[in-house]
């Protein structure tokens, strides 16, 4: 009877999740449960840096649903909680970019651009509950607050020298944290006052940054192959972990149990226990048969962007040097498949 039940469900992966979660309840029952709403309709947004495009990929099988033009050099993507908007930072190529591309994910309206004026090289981005975006701009050494509806910069917070690259946001939306590559530091920003309250050393090449569900701030230090864990109030270093091969991004699984760090030069992803910081697994990310091109960081697979699916037990990694997305099972850390992308994928967003 269970085989018949599974056979009635349209999508194989959906069936796997339903069986895992509901098998004890289904034994002895004859009803057929439909796939959870939206499961098969989820999308992965991929920013292709060298093509100046964003691809919409089906989370069911990786097929391309659409290609949308962005500004030059799309480096990061943030999706609004209501899934209505996706916002892309247009970092630029040889010439510095100074814009955001706003994608309407609901009505299919044409993309619109927000001019950031003198604030060039926008990179890290987070969206606030009030409809504003926080954006790091390297050349103006600022953390911008941008009104997305008005299409205007409403505040520029000085973060200082050192190449403020990525930004993370505390759960309450009151505090932002900025990593600085050249300075090797992490800075704490009070958004209510618009002032930097703390800045401390993290490690050489501090780049990837994320706030864990328990509030601690994790930073990947690419030039010294470490990950540091910081107190959210004082930024005191609470732990230092090895992550070999140019650790460049960090995210957390939805349950908060694991921190996932991509290592660009090693072509791998480190999996850490997030509550008791320690390495628990390393995932190789080298697609067989895929040629590794030259990226901004060098030759090789170059896994960079990483995102955890909030609904499915899946992790998606942008393999920038191989023009692929790696799909990883979050239960056992197996690479399930690779999906094709445009040239040099990096930025990732998800519509679950």
C-alpha atoms as a PDB file:
ATOM      1  CA  UNK A   1       0.000   0.000   0.000  1.00  0.00           C
ATOM      2  CA  UNK A   2       2.888   2.350   0.744  1.00  0.00           C
ATOM      3  CA  UNK A   3       4.337   1.642  -2.700  1.00  0.00           C
ATOM      4  CA  UNK A   4       1.013   2.595  -4.233  1.00  0.00           C
ATOM      5  CA  UNK A   5       0.965   5.778  -2.154  1.00  0.00           C
ATOM      6  CA  UNK A   6       4.430   6.804  -3.265  1.00  0.00           C
ATOM      7  CA  UNK A   7       3.508   6.051  -6.852  1.00  0.00           C
ATOM      8  CA  UNK A   8       0.676   8.542  -6.709  1.00  0.00           C
ATOM      9  CA  UNK A   9       2.946  11.425  -5.780  1.00  0.00           C
ATOM     10  CA  UNK A  10       4.146  13.260  -8.817  1.00  0.00           C
ATOM     11  CA  UNK A  11       7.634  14.237  -7.809  1.00  0.00           C
ATOM     12  CA  UNK A  12      10.227  11.766  -6.603  1.00  0.00           C
ATOM     13  CA  UNK A  13      11.979  14.119  -4.190  1.00  0.00           C
ATOM     14  CA  UNK A  14       8.711  15.286  -2.750  1.00  0.00           C
ATOM     15  CA  UNK A  15       7.782  11.639  -2.172  1.00  0.00           C
ATOM     16  CA  UNK A  16      11.047  11.050  -0.343  1.00  0.00           C
ATOM     17  CA  UNK A  17      10.366  13.939   2.037  1.00  0.00           C
ATOM     18  CA  UNK A  18       6.753  12.916   2.621  1.00  0.00           C
ATOM     19  CA  UNK A  19       7.777   9.325   3.407  1.00  0.00           C
ATOM     20  CA  UNK A  20      10.518  10.450   5.780  1.00  0.00           C
ATOM     21  CA  UNK A  21       8.286  12.789   7.713  1.00  0.00           C
ATOM     22  CA  UNK A  22       4.989  10.943   7.697  1.00  0.00           C
ATOM     23  CA  UNK A  23       5.732   7.206   7.363  1.00  0.00           C
ATOM     24  CA  UNK A  24       4.664   6.378  10.944  1.00  0.00           C
ATOM     25  CA  UNK A  25       1.280   7.997  10.328  1.00  0.00           C
ATOM     26  CA  UNK A  26       0.743   6.404   6.933  1.00  0.00           C
ATOM     27  CA  UNK A  27       1.053   2.776   7.963  1.00  0.00           C
ATOM     28  CA  UNK A  28      -2.330   1.110   7.674  1.00  0.00           C
ATOM     29  CA  UNK A  29      -3.922   4.130   5.983  1.00  0.00           C
ATOM     30  CA  UNK A  30      -5.353   4.240   2.470  1.00  0.00           C
ATOM     31  CA  UNK A  31      -5.465   8.008   1.900  1.00  0.00           C
ATOM     32  CA  UNK A  32      -3.101   9.765  -0.497  1.00  0.00           C
ATOM     33  CA  UNK A  33      -1.292  12.854   0.773  1.00  0.00           C
ATOM     34  CA  UNK A  34      -0.587  15.553  -1.799  1.00  0.00           C
ATOM     35  CA  UNK A  35       2.816  17.131  -2.111  1.00  0.00           C
ATOM     36  CA  UNK A  36       3.245  20.069   0.306  1.00  0.00           C
ATOM     37  CA  UNK A  37       2.145  23.286  -1.348  1.00  0.00           C
ATOM     38  CA  UNK A  38       4.942  24.939  -3.286  1.00  0.00           C
ATOM     39  CA  UNK A  39       7.380  22.034  -2.934  1.00  0.00           C
ATOM     40  CA  UNK A  40       7.836  21.453  -6.636  1.00  0.00           C
ATOM     41  CA  UNK A  41       7.495  25.101  -7.565  1.00  0.00           C
ATOM     42  CA  UNK A  42      10.532  26.301  -5.635  1.00  0.00           C
ATOM     43  CA  UNK A  43      13.237  28.197  -7.465  1.00  0.00           C
ATOM     44  CA  UNK A  44      16.942  28.838  -7.078  1.00  0.00           C
ATOM     45  CA  UNK A  45      18.174  32.242  -8.248  1.00  0.00           C
ATOM     46  CA  UNK A  46      21.718  32.228  -9.610  1.00  0.00           C
ATOM     47  CA  UNK A  47      23.756  35.325 -10.391  1.00  0.00           C
ATOM     48  CA  UNK A  48      26.157  34.639 -13.282  1.00  0.00           C
ATOM     49  CA  UNK A  49      28.949  37.179 -12.809  1.00  0.00           C
ATOM     50  CA  UNK A  50      30.480  37.020 -16.288  1.00  0.00           C
ATOM     51  CA  UNK A  51      27.149  36.945 -18.148  1.00  0.00           C
ATOM     52  CA  UNK A  52      25.451  39.768 -16.215  1.00  0.00           C
ATOM     53  CA  UNK A  53      22.366  37.605 -15.767  1.00  0.00           C
ATOM     54  CA  UNK A  54      20.248  35.941 -13.107  1.00  0.00           C
ATOM     55  CA  UNK A  55      18.930  32.466 -13.872  1.00  0.00           C
ATOM     56  CA  UNK A  56      15.809  31.024 -12.308  1.00  0.00           C
ATOM     57  CA  UNK A  57      16.284  27.275 -11.820  1.00  0.00           C
ATOM     58  CA  UNK A  58      13.637  24.766 -10.780  1.00  0.00           C
ATOM     59  CA  UNK A  59      14.446  23.221  -7.411  1.00  0.00           C
ATOM     60  CA  UNK A  60      12.872  20.016  -8.666  1.00  0.00           C
ATOM     61  CA  UNK A  61      15.380  19.215 -11.384  1.00  0.00           C
ATOM     62  CA  UNK A  62      17.591  22.236 -12.020  1.00  0.00           C
ATOM     63  CA  UNK A  63      16.042  23.137 -15.362  1.00  0.00           C
ATOM     64  CA  UNK A  64      16.284  26.777 -16.348  1.00  0.00           C
ATOM     65  CA  UNK A  65      12.938  28.547 -16.064  1.00  0.00           C
ATOM     66  CA  UNK A  66      14.044  32.031 -17.054  1.00  0.00           C
ATOM     67  CA  UNK A  67      17.034  34.290 -17.667  1.00  0.00           C
ATOM     68  CA  UNK A  68      16.884  37.879 -16.430  1.00  0.00           C
ATOM     69  CA  UNK A  69      19.407  40.619 -17.251  1.00  0.00           C
ATOM     70  CA  UNK A  70      21.119  42.271 -14.286  1.00  0.00           C
ATOM     71  CA  UNK A  71      23.595  45.095 -14.015  1.00  0.00           C
ATOM     72  CA  UNK A  72      27.266  44.376 -14.600  1.00  0.00           C
ATOM     73  CA  UNK A  73      28.818  41.776 -12.329  1.00  0.00           C
ATOM     74  CA  UNK A  74      25.955  40.443 -10.166  1.00  0.00           C
ATOM     75  CA  UNK A  75      27.759  39.418  -6.973  1.00  0.00           C
ATOM     76  CA  UNK A  76      25.083  38.901  -4.291  1.00  0.00           C
ATOM     77  CA  UNK A  77      21.307  38.328  -4.181  1.00  0.00           C
ATOM     78  CA  UNK A  78      18.832  38.906  -1.348  1.00  0.00           C
ATOM     79  CA  UNK A  79      15.193  37.760  -1.451  1.00  0.00           C
ATOM     80  CA  UNK A  80      12.434  39.477   0.523  1.00  0.00           C
ATOM     81  CA  UNK A  81      10.596  37.324   3.100  1.00  0.00           C
ATOM     82  CA  UNK A  82       7.359  37.603   1.102  1.00  0.00           C
ATOM     83  CA  UNK A  83       9.211  36.372  -2.027  1.00  0.00           C
ATOM     84  CA  UNK A  84       7.989  39.449  -3.896  1.00  0.00           C
ATOM     85  CA  UNK A  85      11.408  40.950  -4.617  1.00  0.00           C
ATOM     86  CA  UNK A  86      14.943  39.802  -5.269  1.00  0.00           C
ATOM     87  CA  UNK A  87      17.676  42.429  -5.117  1.00  0.00           C
ATOM     88  CA  UNK A  88      21.048  42.028  -6.839  1.00  0.00           C
ATOM     89  CA  UNK A  89      24.251  43.965  -6.141  1.00  0.00           C
ATOM     90  CA  UNK A  90      25.893  45.042  -9.406  1.00  0.00           C
ATOM     91  CA  UNK A  91      29.577  45.039  -8.428  1.00  0.00           C
ATOM     92  CA  UNK A  92      30.877  45.669 -11.932  1.00  0.00           C
ATOM     93  CA  UNK A  93      33.792  44.230 -13.879  1.00  0.00           C
ATOM     94  CA  UNK A  94      36.880  46.288 -14.764  1.00  0.00           C
ATOM     95  CA  UNK A  95      34.733  49.364 -14.333  1.00  0.00           C
ATOM     96  CA  UNK A  96      33.194  49.674 -10.888  1.00  0.00           C
ATOM     97  CA  UNK A  97      29.451  49.158 -10.677  1.00  0.00           C
ATOM     98  CA  UNK A  98      27.222  51.438  -8.618  1.00  0.00           C
ATOM     99  CA  UNK A  99      23.706  50.033  -8.857  1.00  0.00           C
ATOM    100  CA  UNK A 100      21.231  47.497  -7.547  1.00  0.00           C
ATOM    101  CA  UNK A 101      18.954  45.475  -9.820  1.00  0.00           C
ATOM    102  CA  UNK A 102      15.484  44.876  -8.369  1.00  0.00           C
ATOM    103  CA  UNK A 103      13.608  41.859  -9.718  1.00  0.00           C
ATOM    104  CA  UNK A 104       9.845  41.575  -9.283  1.00  0.00           C
ATOM    105  CA  UNK A 105       9.316  37.864  -8.664  1.00  0.00           C
ATOM    106  CA  UNK A 106       5.540  38.002  -8.469  1.00  0.00           C
ATOM    107  CA  UNK A 107       4.152  40.108 -11.309  1.00  0.00           C
ATOM    108  CA  UNK A 108       6.903  39.533 -13.835  1.00  0.00           C
ATOM    109  CA  UNK A 109       7.583  43.242 -14.271  1.00  0.00           C
ATOM    110  CA  UNK A 110      10.771  44.303 -16.014  1.00  0.00           C
ATOM    111  CA  UNK A 111      13.822  44.600 -13.745  1.00  0.00           C
ATOM    112  CA  UNK A 112      14.523  48.094 -12.460  1.00  0.00           C
ATOM    113  CA  UNK A 113      17.808  49.655 -11.455  1.00  0.00           C
ATOM    114  CA  UNK A 114      18.625  51.760  -8.398  1.00  0.00           C
ATOM    115  CA  UNK A 115      21.514  54.169  -8.937  1.00  0.00           C
ATOM    116  CA  UNK A 116      23.787  54.382  -5.885  1.00  0.00           C
ATOM    117  CA  UNK A 117      25.607  57.468  -7.144  1.00  0.00           C
ATOM    118  CA  UNK A 118      29.103  57.830  -5.711  1.00  0.00           C
ATOM    119  CA  UNK A 119      28.753  54.594  -3.730  1.00  0.00           C
ATOM    120  CA  UNK A 120      30.598  52.223  -6.073  1.00  0.00           C
ATOM    121  CA  UNK A 121      31.386  48.509  -5.805  1.00  0.00           C
ATOM    122  CA  UNK A 122      28.227  47.380  -3.974  1.00  0.00           C
ATOM    123  CA  UNK A 123      28.597  43.841  -2.698  1.00  0.00           C
ATOM    124  CA  UNK A 124      27.079  42.444   0.499  1.00  0.00           C
ATOM    125  CA  UNK A 125      23.325  42.852   0.922  1.00  0.00           C
ATOM    126  CA  UNK A 126      20.602  42.097   3.458  1.00  0.00           C
ATOM    127  CA  UNK A 127      16.944  43.110   3.401  1.00  0.00           C
ATOM    128  CA  UNK A 128      15.212  44.692   6.391  1.00  0.00           C
ATOM    129  CA  UNK A 129      11.596  44.263   7.458  1.00  0.00           C
ATOM    130  CA  UNK A 130      10.808  47.910   6.647  1.00  0.00           C
ATOM    131  CA  UNK A 131      11.472  47.499   2.920  1.00  0.00           C
ATOM    132  CA  UNK A 132      15.002  48.863   3.062  1.00  0.00           C
ATOM    133  CA  UNK A 133      18.192  47.105   1.989  1.00  0.00           C
ATOM    134  CA  UNK A 134      21.573  47.189   3.721  1.00  0.00           C
ATOM    135  CA  UNK A 135      24.392  47.248   1.167  1.00  0.00           C
ATOM    136  CA  UNK A 136      28.164  47.378   1.588  1.00  0.00           C
ATOM    137  CA  UNK A 137      29.960  49.646  -0.894  1.00  0.00           C
ATOM    138  CA  UNK A 138      33.696  49.133  -1.022  1.00  0.00           C
ATOM    139  CA  UNK A 139      34.808  52.332  -2.738  1.00  0.00           C
ATOM    140  CA  UNK A 140      32.841  54.686  -0.485  1.00  0.00           C
ATOM    141  CA  UNK A 141      33.659  52.617   2.637  1.00  0.00           C
ATOM    142  CA  UNK A 142      30.006  52.626   3.602  1.00  0.00           C
ATOM    143  CA  UNK A 143      27.072  50.535   4.679  1.00  0.00           C
ATOM    144  CA  UNK A 144      24.100  51.967   2.821  1.00  0.00           C
ATOM    145  CA  UNK A 145      20.459  51.912   3.755  1.00  0.00           C
ATOM    146  CA  UNK A 146      18.451  51.905   0.513  1.00  0.00           C
ATOM    147  CA  UNK A 147      14.688  52.457   0.249  1.00  0.00           C
ATOM    148  CA  UNK A 148      13.721  49.896  -2.385  1.00  0.00           C
ATOM    149  CA  UNK A 149      10.302  51.379  -3.153  1.00  0.00           C
ATOM    150  CA  UNK A 150      11.644  54.902  -3.551  1.00  0.00           C
ATOM    151  CA  UNK A 151      14.783  53.683  -5.291  1.00  0.00           C
ATOM    152  CA  UNK A 152      17.018  55.937  -3.217  1.00  0.00           C
ATOM    153  CA  UNK A 153      19.852  55.844  -0.695  1.00  0.00           C
ATOM    154  CA  UNK A 154      18.467  57.143   2.604  1.00  0.00           C
ATOM    155  CA  UNK A 155      21.523  56.650   4.823  1.00  0.00           C
ATOM    156  CA  UNK A 156      25.258  56.019   4.430  1.00  0.00           C
ATOM    157  CA  UNK A 157      27.002  54.645   7.527  1.00  0.00           C
ATOM    158  CA  UNK A 158      30.779  55.069   7.526  1.00  0.00           C
ATOM    159  CA  UNK A 159      32.508  51.732   8.164  1.00  0.00           C
ATOM    160  CA  UNK A 160      36.066  52.917   7.472  1.00  0.00           C
ATOM    161  CA  UNK A 161      39.006  51.550   5.513  1.00  0.00           C
ATOM    162  CA  UNK A 162      39.729  47.875   4.992  1.00  0.00           C
ATOM    163  CA  UNK A 163      37.309  46.842   2.199  1.00  0.00           C
ATOM    164  CA  UNK A 164      33.972  46.182   3.888  1.00  0.00           C
ATOM    165  CA  UNK A 165      32.752  43.324   1.709  1.00  0.00           C
ATOM    166  CA  UNK A 166      29.939  41.276   3.232  1.00  0.00           C
ATOM    167  CA  UNK A 167      27.205  42.092   5.738  1.00  0.00           C
ATOM    168  CA  UNK A 168      25.230  39.940   8.171  1.00  0.00           C
ATOM    169  CA  UNK A 169      22.210  40.874  10.250  1.00  0.00           C
ATOM    170  CA  UNK A 170      21.208  39.981  13.805  1.00  0.00           C
ATOM    171  CA  UNK A 171      17.880  38.189  14.177  1.00  0.00           C
ATOM    172  CA  UNK A 172      16.169  41.261  15.642  1.00  0.00           C
ATOM    173  CA  UNK A 173      17.331  43.449  12.753  1.00  0.00           C
ATOM    174  CA  UNK A 174      18.944  45.963  15.113  1.00  0.00           C
ATOM    175  CA  UNK A 175      22.602  45.145  14.517  1.00  0.00           C
ATOM    176  CA  UNK A 176      24.657  44.565  11.384  1.00  0.00           C
ATOM    177  CA  UNK A 177      28.107  43.003  11.091  1.00  0.00           C
ATOM    178  CA  UNK A 178      30.555  43.778   8.285  1.00  0.00           C
ATOM    179  CA  UNK A 179      33.612  41.738   7.293  1.00  0.00           C
ATOM    180  CA  UNK A 180      36.661  43.586   5.936  1.00  0.00           C
ATOM    181  CA  UNK A 181      38.926  41.658   3.586  1.00  0.00           C
ATOM    182  CA  UNK A 182      41.975  43.938   3.548  1.00  0.00           C
ATOM    183  CA  UNK A 183      41.844  44.794   7.244  1.00  0.00           C
ATOM    184  CA  UNK A 184      41.088  41.237   8.363  1.00  0.00           C
ATOM    185  CA  UNK A 185      38.511  42.541  10.818  1.00  0.00           C
ATOM    186  CA  UNK A 186      34.834  42.325  11.684  1.00  0.00           C
ATOM    187  CA  UNK A 187      32.831  45.438  12.585  1.00  0.00           C
ATOM    188  CA  UNK A 188      29.605  45.788  14.577  1.00  0.00           C
ATOM    189  CA  UNK A 189      27.098  48.452  13.466  1.00  0.00           C
ATOM    190  CA  UNK A 190      24.232  49.763  15.619  1.00  0.00           C
ATOM    191  CA  UNK A 191      21.519  50.432  13.050  1.00  0.00           C
ATOM    192  CA  UNK A 192      19.439  52.607  15.396  1.00  0.00           C
ATOM    193  CA  UNK A 193      22.252  55.133  15.825  1.00  0.00           C
ATOM    194  CA  UNK A 194      23.945  54.474  12.498  1.00  0.00           C
ATOM    195  CA  UNK A 195      27.323  54.092  14.179  1.00  0.00           C
ATOM    196  CA  UNK A 196      30.079  51.510  14.293  1.00  0.00           C
ATOM    197  CA  UNK A 197      30.413  50.379  17.909  1.00  0.00           C
ATOM    198  CA  UNK A 198      33.199  47.789  17.686  1.00  0.00           C
ATOM    199  CA  UNK A 199      35.828  46.515  15.266  1.00  0.00           C
ATOM    200  CA  UNK A 200      38.199  43.663  16.104  1.00  0.00           C
ATOM    201  CA  UNK A 201      40.602  41.347  14.267  1.00  0.00           C
ATOM    202  CA  UNK A 202      39.064  38.191  12.821  1.00  0.00           C
ATOM    203  CA  UNK A 203      41.755  36.826  10.507  1.00  0.00           C
ATOM    204  CA  UNK A 204      43.574  37.629   7.298  1.00  0.00           C
ATOM    205  CA  UNK A 205      41.192  38.050   4.389  1.00  0.00           C
ATOM    206  CA  UNK A 206      38.029  38.129   6.516  1.00  0.00           C
ATOM    207  CA  UNK A 207      35.188  37.725   4.016  1.00  0.00           C
ATOM    208  CA  UNK A 208      32.286  35.342   4.603  1.00  0.00           C
ATOM    209  CA  UNK A 209      30.090  36.325   7.542  1.00  0.00           C
ATOM    210  CA  UNK A 210      26.844  35.085   9.054  1.00  0.00           C
ATOM    211  CA  UNK A 211      24.976  35.248  12.341  1.00  0.00           C
ATOM    212  CA  UNK A 212      24.197  31.846  13.825  1.00  0.00           C
ATOM    213  CA  UNK A 213      20.757  31.096  15.281  1.00  0.00           C
ATOM    214  CA  UNK A 214      22.333  31.335  18.749  1.00  0.00           C
ATOM    215  CA  UNK A 215      23.472  34.896  17.940  1.00  0.00           C
ATOM    216  CA  UNK A 216      27.193  34.284  17.553  1.00  0.00           C
ATOM    217  CA  UNK A 217      28.940  35.764  14.519  1.00  0.00           C
ATOM    218  CA  UNK A 218      30.941  33.438  12.257  1.00  0.00           C
ATOM    219  CA  UNK A 219      33.619  34.823   9.906  1.00  0.00           C
ATOM    220  CA  UNK A 220      35.633  33.004   7.229  1.00  0.00           C
ATOM    221  CA  UNK A 221      39.221  34.214   6.935  1.00  0.00           C
ATOM    222  CA  UNK A 222      40.261  33.192   3.471  1.00  0.00           C
ATOM    223  CA  UNK A 223      43.962  34.148   3.583  1.00  0.00           C
ATOM    224  CA  UNK A 224      44.730  32.151   6.732  1.00  0.00           C
ATOM    225  CA  UNK A 225      42.352  29.177   6.270  1.00  0.00           C
ATOM    226  CA  UNK A 226      40.397  29.750   9.460  1.00  0.00           C
ATOM    227  CA  UNK A 227      36.870  30.387  10.648  1.00  0.00           C
ATOM    228  CA  UNK A 228      36.401  32.526  13.743  1.00  0.00           C
ATOM    229  CA  UNK A 229      33.360  32.632  16.033  1.00  0.00           C
ATOM    230  CA  UNK A 230      32.640  35.942  17.777  1.00  0.00           C
ATOM    231  CA  UNK A 231      30.530  37.224  20.651  1.00  0.00           C
ATOM    232  CA  UNK A 232      27.710  39.300  19.105  1.00  0.00           C
ATOM    233  CA  UNK A 233      28.075  42.188  21.578  1.00  0.00           C
ATOM    234  CA  UNK A 234      31.823  42.540  22.122  1.00  0.00           C
ATOM    235  CA  UNK A 235      33.076  40.649  19.028  1.00  0.00           C
ATOM    236  CA  UNK A 236      35.482  38.764  21.293  1.00  0.00           C
ATOM    237  CA  UNK A 237      36.799  35.663  19.505  1.00  0.00           C
ATOM    238  CA  UNK A 238      35.216  32.613  21.130  1.00  0.00           C
ATOM    239  CA  UNK A 239      36.630  29.919  18.827  1.00  0.00           C
ATOM    240  CA  UNK A 240      39.022  29.552  15.894  1.00  0.00           C
ATOM    241  CA  UNK A 241      38.533  26.619  13.527  1.00  0.00           C
ATOM    242  CA  UNK A 242      40.680  25.381  10.618  1.00  0.00           C
ATOM    243  CA  UNK A 243      39.081  25.285   7.161  1.00  0.00           C
ATOM    244  CA  UNK A 244      41.682  24.553   4.513  1.00  0.00           C
ATOM    245  CA  UNK A 245      41.676  26.001   1.025  1.00  0.00           C
ATOM    246  CA  UNK A 246      40.469  29.624   1.043  1.00  0.00           C
ATOM    247  CA  UNK A 247      37.254  29.617   3.139  1.00  0.00           C
ATOM    248  CA  UNK A 248      35.073  32.240   1.511  1.00  0.00           C
ATOM    249  CA  UNK A 249      31.407  31.912   2.602  1.00  0.00           C
ATOM    250  CA  UNK A 250      29.466  30.602   5.595  1.00  0.00           C
ATOM    251  CA  UNK A 251      25.770  29.820   6.076  1.00  0.00           C
ATOM    252  CA  UNK A 252      23.740  27.783   8.563  1.00  0.00           C
ATOM    253  CA  UNK A 253      21.283  24.964   8.119  1.00  0.00           C
ATOM    254  CA  UNK A 254      17.678  25.937   8.977  1.00  0.00           C
ATOM    255  CA  UNK A 255      17.761  23.951  12.226  1.00  0.00           C
ATOM    256  CA  UNK A 256      20.909  25.782  13.324  1.00  0.00           C
ATOM    257  CA  UNK A 257      22.850  22.562  13.878  1.00  0.00           C
ATOM    258  CA  UNK A 258      25.486  23.008  11.197  1.00  0.00           C
ATOM    259  CA  UNK A 259      27.636  25.773   9.727  1.00  0.00           C
ATOM    260  CA  UNK A 260      28.595  25.292   6.083  1.00  0.00           C
ATOM    261  CA  UNK A 261      31.804  26.863   4.764  1.00  0.00           C
ATOM    262  CA  UNK A 262      32.848  26.832   1.103  1.00  0.00           C
ATOM    263  CA  UNK A 263      36.588  26.546   0.441  1.00  0.00           C
ATOM    264  CA  UNK A 264      37.235  28.036  -2.993  1.00  0.00           C
ATOM    265  CA  UNK A 265      40.792  26.833  -3.654  1.00  0.00           C
ATOM    266  CA  UNK A 266      40.281  23.397  -2.117  1.00  0.00           C
ATOM    267  CA  UNK A 267      37.092  22.765  -4.087  1.00  0.00           C
ATOM    268  CA  UNK A 268      35.270  21.650  -0.956  1.00  0.00           C
ATOM    269  CA  UNK A 269      32.691  22.499   1.697  1.00  0.00           C
ATOM    270  CA  UNK A 270      33.458  22.153   5.404  1.00  0.00           C
ATOM    271  CA  UNK A 271      30.585  21.137   7.675  1.00  0.00           C
ATOM    272  CA  UNK A 272      30.887  22.278  11.291  1.00  0.00           C
ATOM    273  CA  UNK A 273      28.846  21.535  14.381  1.00  0.00           C
ATOM    274  CA  UNK A 274      27.452  25.009  15.061  1.00  0.00           C
ATOM    275  CA  UNK A 275      26.606  24.560  18.739  1.00  0.00           C
ATOM    276  CA  UNK A 276      29.893  22.905  19.748  1.00  0.00           C
ATOM    277  CA  UNK A 277      32.148  24.343  17.038  1.00  0.00           C
ATOM    278  CA  UNK A 278      34.117  21.518  15.402  1.00  0.00           C
ATOM    279  CA  UNK A 279      34.513  19.976  11.958  1.00  0.00           C
ATOM    280  CA  UNK A 280      32.177  17.037  11.309  1.00  0.00           C
ATOM    281  CA  UNK A 281      32.457  16.499   7.528  1.00  0.00           C
ATOM    282  CA  UNK A 282      34.179  17.703   4.360  1.00  0.00           C
ATOM    283  CA  UNK A 283      32.374  17.534   1.012  1.00  0.00           C
ATOM    284  CA  UNK A 284      34.387  17.399  -2.240  1.00  0.00           C
ATOM    285  CA  UNK A 285      32.940  19.686  -4.919  1.00  0.00           C
ATOM    286  CA  UNK A 286      34.705  18.873  -8.186  1.00  0.00           C
ATOM    287  CA  UNK A 287      32.245  18.039 -10.989  1.00  0.00           C
ATOM    288  CA  UNK A 288      33.499  15.136 -13.104  1.00  0.00           C
ATOM    289  CA  UNK A 289      33.991  16.013 -16.747  1.00  0.00           C
ATOM    290  CA  UNK A 290      33.450  19.734 -16.203  1.00  0.00           C
ATOM    291  CA  UNK A 291      36.257  21.985 -17.343  1.00  0.00           C
ATOM    292  CA  UNK A 292      37.454  24.439 -14.737  1.00  0.00           C
ATOM    293  CA  UNK A 293      37.749  27.915 -16.169  1.00  0.00           C
ATOM    294  CA  UNK A 294      39.617  30.973 -15.012  1.00  0.00           C
ATOM    295  CA  UNK A 295      37.718  32.928 -12.374  1.00  0.00           C
ATOM    296  CA  UNK A 296      38.471  36.112 -10.447  1.00  0.00           C
ATOM    297  CA  UNK A 297      40.253  33.988  -7.837  1.00  0.00           C
ATOM    298  CA  UNK A 298      42.208  31.700 -10.163  1.00  0.00           C
ATOM    299  CA  UNK A 299      41.893  28.321 -11.889  1.00  0.00           C
ATOM    300  CA  UNK A 300      39.797  25.494 -10.470  1.00  0.00           C
ATOM    301  CA  UNK A 301      36.234  24.567  -9.479  1.00  0.00           C
ATOM    302  CA  UNK A 302      35.994  27.523  -7.066  1.00  0.00           C
ATOM    303  CA  UNK A 303      32.905  26.832  -4.930  1.00  0.00           C
ATOM    304  CA  UNK A 304      31.792  30.191  -3.548  1.00  0.00           C
ATOM    305  CA  UNK A 305      28.119  30.978  -2.968  1.00  0.00           C
ATOM    306  CA  UNK A 306      26.200  28.575  -0.739  1.00  0.00           C
ATOM    307  CA  UNK A 307      22.594  28.505   0.444  1.00  0.00           C
ATOM    308  CA  UNK A 308      20.507  26.106   2.524  1.00  0.00           C
ATOM    309  CA  UNK A 309      17.002  25.178   1.412  1.00  0.00           C
ATOM    310  CA  UNK A 310      14.549  26.115   4.202  1.00  0.00           C
ATOM    311  CA  UNK A 311      12.050  23.435   3.120  1.00  0.00           C
ATOM    312  CA  UNK A 312      13.944  20.518   1.586  1.00  0.00           C
ATOM    313  CA  UNK A 313      17.016  18.786   3.070  1.00  0.00           C
ATOM    314  CA  UNK A 314      19.229  20.288   0.375  1.00  0.00           C
ATOM    315  CA  UNK A 315      22.256  22.582   0.148  1.00  0.00           C
ATOM    316  CA  UNK A 316      23.126  24.420  -3.068  1.00  0.00           C
ATOM    317  CA  UNK A 317      26.674  25.566  -3.872  1.00  0.00           C
ATOM    318  CA  UNK A 318      27.735  27.732  -6.817  1.00  0.00           C
ATOM    319  CA  UNK A 319      30.816  26.174  -8.452  1.00  0.00           C
ATOM    320  CA  UNK A 320      32.080  29.375 -10.041  1.00  0.00           C
ATOM    321  CA  UNK A 321      34.982  27.875 -11.998  1.00  0.00           C
ATOM    322  CA  UNK A 322      32.924  25.042 -13.505  1.00  0.00           C
ATOM    323  CA  UNK A 323      29.613  26.826 -14.231  1.00  0.00           C
ATOM    324  CA  UNK A 324      27.632  24.421 -12.087  1.00  0.00           C
ATOM    325  CA  UNK A 325      25.434  24.235  -9.004  1.00  0.00           C
ATOM    326  CA  UNK A 326      26.223  21.355  -6.653  1.00  0.00           C
ATOM    327  CA  UNK A 327      23.137  19.848  -4.998  1.00  0.00           C
ATOM    328  CA  UNK A 328      23.992  18.297  -1.629  1.00  0.00           C
ATOM    329  CA  UNK A 329      21.886  16.092   0.640  1.00  0.00           C
ATOM    330  CA  UNK A 330      21.808  17.786   4.051  1.00  0.00           C
ATOM    331  CA  UNK A 331      21.109  14.490   5.827  1.00  0.00           C
ATOM    332  CA  UNK A 332      24.291  12.658   4.817  1.00  0.00           C
ATOM    333  CA  UNK A 333      26.338  15.325   2.961  1.00  0.00           C
ATOM    334  CA  UNK A 334      26.355  13.457  -0.367  1.00  0.00           C
ATOM    335  CA  UNK A 335      26.577  15.367  -3.637  1.00  0.00           C
ATOM    336  CA  UNK A 336      23.432  14.299  -5.480  1.00  0.00           C
ATOM    337  CA  UNK A 337      23.895  16.061  -8.807  1.00  0.00           C
ATOM    338  CA  UNK A 338      25.208  19.119 -10.614  1.00  0.00           C
ATOM    339  CA  UNK A 339      23.098  21.660 -12.502  1.00  0.00           C
ATOM    340  CA  UNK A 340      24.264  23.841 -15.383  1.00  0.00           C
ATOM    341  CA  UNK A 341      24.482  27.626 -14.973  1.00  0.00           C
ATOM    342  CA  UNK A 342      25.727  30.644 -16.869  1.00  0.00           C
ATOM    343  CA  UNK A 343      29.334  31.777 -16.659  1.00  0.00           C
ATOM    344  CA  UNK A 344      30.862  32.135 -13.203  1.00  0.00           C
ATOM    345  CA  UNK A 345      27.875  31.591 -10.906  1.00  0.00           C
ATOM    346  CA  UNK A 346      28.267  33.002  -7.422  1.00  0.00           C
ATOM    347  CA  UNK A 347      25.272  34.834  -5.955  1.00  0.00           C
ATOM    348  CA  UNK A 348      22.424  32.597  -4.791  1.00  0.00           C
ATOM    349  CA  UNK A 349      18.883  33.272  -3.614  1.00  0.00           C
ATOM    350  CA  UNK A 350      16.022  30.894  -2.978  1.00  0.00           C
ATOM    351  CA  UNK A 351      12.262  30.987  -3.436  1.00  0.00           C
ATOM    352  CA  UNK A 352      11.196  27.939  -1.380  1.00  0.00           C
END
